[in-house]
Amino acid sequence: MPMPPPKATSQSPRDRQVNHEISQIVRALNTQGAQQHTELRALVGADFWDADRFDRALAIAVADGVVVRDADGRLHTV
């Protein structure tokens, strides 16, 4: 008996990728505590991500309220 086709999703592969990147950012902040932008970038290995992916994922995480920036500019989770 053949397998049914996969269920349709409204998320594109790019959306799933940014969700994965946000998860990496959140996990790094949860395990290592508040970080400056450059420290967080290094923690998640963003130098190996495609161009601008880190900044895009971080901007979305901040816009969604998952990550916040404190008065000192350090990033942390809610």
C-alpha atoms as a PDB file:
ATOM      1  CA  MET A   1       0.000   0.000   0.000  1.00  0.00           C
ATOM      2  CA  PRO A   2       1.532   3.350  -1.008  1.00  0.00           C
ATOM      3  CA  MET A   3       2.216   6.061   1.542  1.00  0.00           C
ATOM      4  CA  PRO A   4      -0.062   9.105   1.496  1.00  0.00           C
ATOM      5  CA  PRO A   5       1.501  12.379   0.358  1.00  0.00           C
ATOM      6  CA  PRO A   6       2.956  14.620   3.080  1.00  0.00           C
ATOM      7  CA  LYS A   7       0.601  17.130   4.627  1.00  0.00           C
ATOM      8  CA  ALA A   8       0.632  20.586   3.147  1.00  0.00           C
ATOM      9  CA  THR A   9       2.329  23.280   5.165  1.00  0.00           C
ATOM     10  CA  SER A  10       2.137  27.031   4.941  1.00  0.00           C
ATOM     11  CA  GLN A  11       5.791  27.328   5.959  1.00  0.00           C
ATOM     12  CA  SER A  12       8.413  27.489   3.263  1.00  0.00           C
ATOM     13  CA  PRO A  13      11.796  25.806   3.817  1.00  0.00           C
ATOM     14  CA  ARG A  14      13.236  29.273   4.477  1.00  0.00           C
ATOM     15  CA  ASP A  15      10.698  29.826   7.283  1.00  0.00           C
ATOM     16  CA  ARG A  16      11.664  26.508   8.864  1.00  0.00           C
ATOM     17  CA  GLN A  17      15.329  27.490   8.583  1.00  0.00           C
ATOM     18  CA  VAL A  18      14.833  30.829  10.358  1.00  0.00           C
ATOM     19  CA  ASN A  19      12.859  29.052  13.090  1.00  0.00           C
ATOM     20  CA  HIS A  20      15.802  26.696  13.534  1.00  0.00           C
ATOM     21  CA  GLU A  21      18.202  29.650  13.694  1.00  0.00           C
ATOM     22  CA  ILE A  22      16.045  31.391  16.292  1.00  0.00           C
ATOM     23  CA  SER A  23      16.028  28.169  18.322  1.00  0.00           C
ATOM     24  CA  GLN A  24      19.824  28.123  18.241  1.00  0.00           C
ATOM     25  CA  ILE A  25      19.950  31.735  19.446  1.00  0.00           C
ATOM     26  CA  VAL A  26      17.474  31.056  22.272  1.00  0.00           C
ATOM     27  CA  ARG A  27      19.293  27.875  23.330  1.00  0.00           C
ATOM     28  CA  ALA A  28      22.628  29.730  23.459  1.00  0.00           C
ATOM     29  CA  LEU A  29      21.142  32.516  25.573  1.00  0.00           C
ATOM     30  CA  ASN A  30      19.415  30.050  27.900  1.00  0.00           C
ATOM     31  CA  THR A  31      22.596  28.054  28.490  1.00  0.00           C
ATOM     32  CA  GLN A  32      25.171  30.865  28.502  1.00  0.00           C
ATOM     33  CA  GLY A  33      23.141  33.794  29.843  1.00  0.00           C
ATOM     34  CA  ALA A  34      22.898  37.324  28.477  1.00  0.00           C
ATOM     35  CA  GLN A  35      25.354  38.095  25.681  1.00  0.00           C
ATOM     36  CA  GLN A  36      26.520  40.986  23.576  1.00  0.00           C
ATOM     37  CA  HIS A  37      25.703  40.733  19.857  1.00  0.00           C
ATOM     38  CA  THR A  38      29.221  39.658  18.856  1.00  0.00           C
ATOM     39  CA  GLU A  39      29.476  37.110  21.676  1.00  0.00           C
ATOM     40  CA  LEU A  40      26.140  35.572  20.732  1.00  0.00           C
ATOM     41  CA  ARG A  41      27.139  35.491  17.086  1.00  0.00           C
ATOM     42  CA  ALA A  42      30.247  33.503  18.000  1.00  0.00           C
ATOM     43  CA  LEU A  43      28.329  31.153  20.327  1.00  0.00           C
ATOM     44  CA  VAL A  44      25.956  30.021  17.586  1.00  0.00           C
ATOM     45  CA  GLY A  45      28.681  29.817  14.928  1.00  0.00           C
ATOM     46  CA  ALA A  46      27.010  32.443  12.758  1.00  0.00           C
ATOM     47  CA  ASP A  47      30.215  32.984  10.766  1.00  0.00           C
ATOM     48  CA  PHE A  48      29.305  29.708   9.052  1.00  0.00           C
ATOM     49  CA  TRP A  49      25.698  30.732   8.311  1.00  0.00           C
ATOM     50  CA  ASP A  50      24.690  32.297   5.010  1.00  0.00           C
ATOM     51  CA  ALA A  51      25.193  36.050   4.759  1.00  0.00           C
ATOM     52  CA  ASP A  52      22.912  38.117   7.019  1.00  0.00           C
ATOM     53  CA  ARG A  53      21.081  35.036   8.368  1.00  0.00           C
ATOM     54  CA  PHE A  54      22.134  35.708  11.961  1.00  0.00           C
ATOM     55  CA  ASP A  55      21.029  39.337  11.935  1.00  0.00           C
ATOM     56  CA  ARG A  56      17.725  38.397  10.272  1.00  0.00           C
ATOM     57  CA  ALA A  57      16.997  35.607  12.773  1.00  0.00           C
ATOM     58  CA  LEU A  58      17.942  37.841  15.702  1.00  0.00           C
ATOM     59  CA  ALA A  59      15.759  40.685  14.405  1.00  0.00           C
ATOM     60  CA  ILE A  60      12.788  38.321  14.092  1.00  0.00           C
ATOM     61  CA  ALA A  61      13.422  36.910  17.583  1.00  0.00           C
ATOM     62  CA  VAL A  62      13.487  40.442  19.030  1.00  0.00           C
ATOM     63  CA  ALA A  63      10.385  41.495  17.060  1.00  0.00           C
ATOM     64  CA  ASP A  64       8.537  38.401  18.323  1.00  0.00           C
ATOM     65  CA  GLY A  65       9.578  39.192  21.896  1.00  0.00           C
ATOM     66  CA  VAL A  66      11.485  35.924  22.304  1.00  0.00           C
ATOM     67  CA  VAL A  67      14.767  37.795  22.795  1.00  0.00           C
ATOM     68  CA  VAL A  68      15.105  41.198  24.446  1.00  0.00           C
ATOM     69  CA  ARG A  69      17.915  43.700  24.688  1.00  0.00           C
ATOM     70  CA  ASP A  70      18.632  45.185  28.121  1.00  0.00           C
ATOM     71  CA  ALA A  71      19.843  48.717  28.922  1.00  0.00           C
ATOM     72  CA  ASP A  72      23.464  47.605  28.499  1.00  0.00           C
ATOM     73  CA  GLY A  73      22.733  46.230  25.032  1.00  0.00           C
ATOM     74  CA  ARG A  74      23.036  42.617  26.131  1.00  0.00           C
ATOM     75  CA  LEU A  75      20.628  40.121  24.622  1.00  0.00           C
ATOM     76  CA  HIS A  76      18.699  37.614  26.723  1.00  0.00           C
ATOM     77  CA  THR A  77      15.559  35.514  26.631  1.00  0.00           C
ATOM     78  CA  VAL A  78      12.333  36.478  28.324  1.00  0.00           C
END
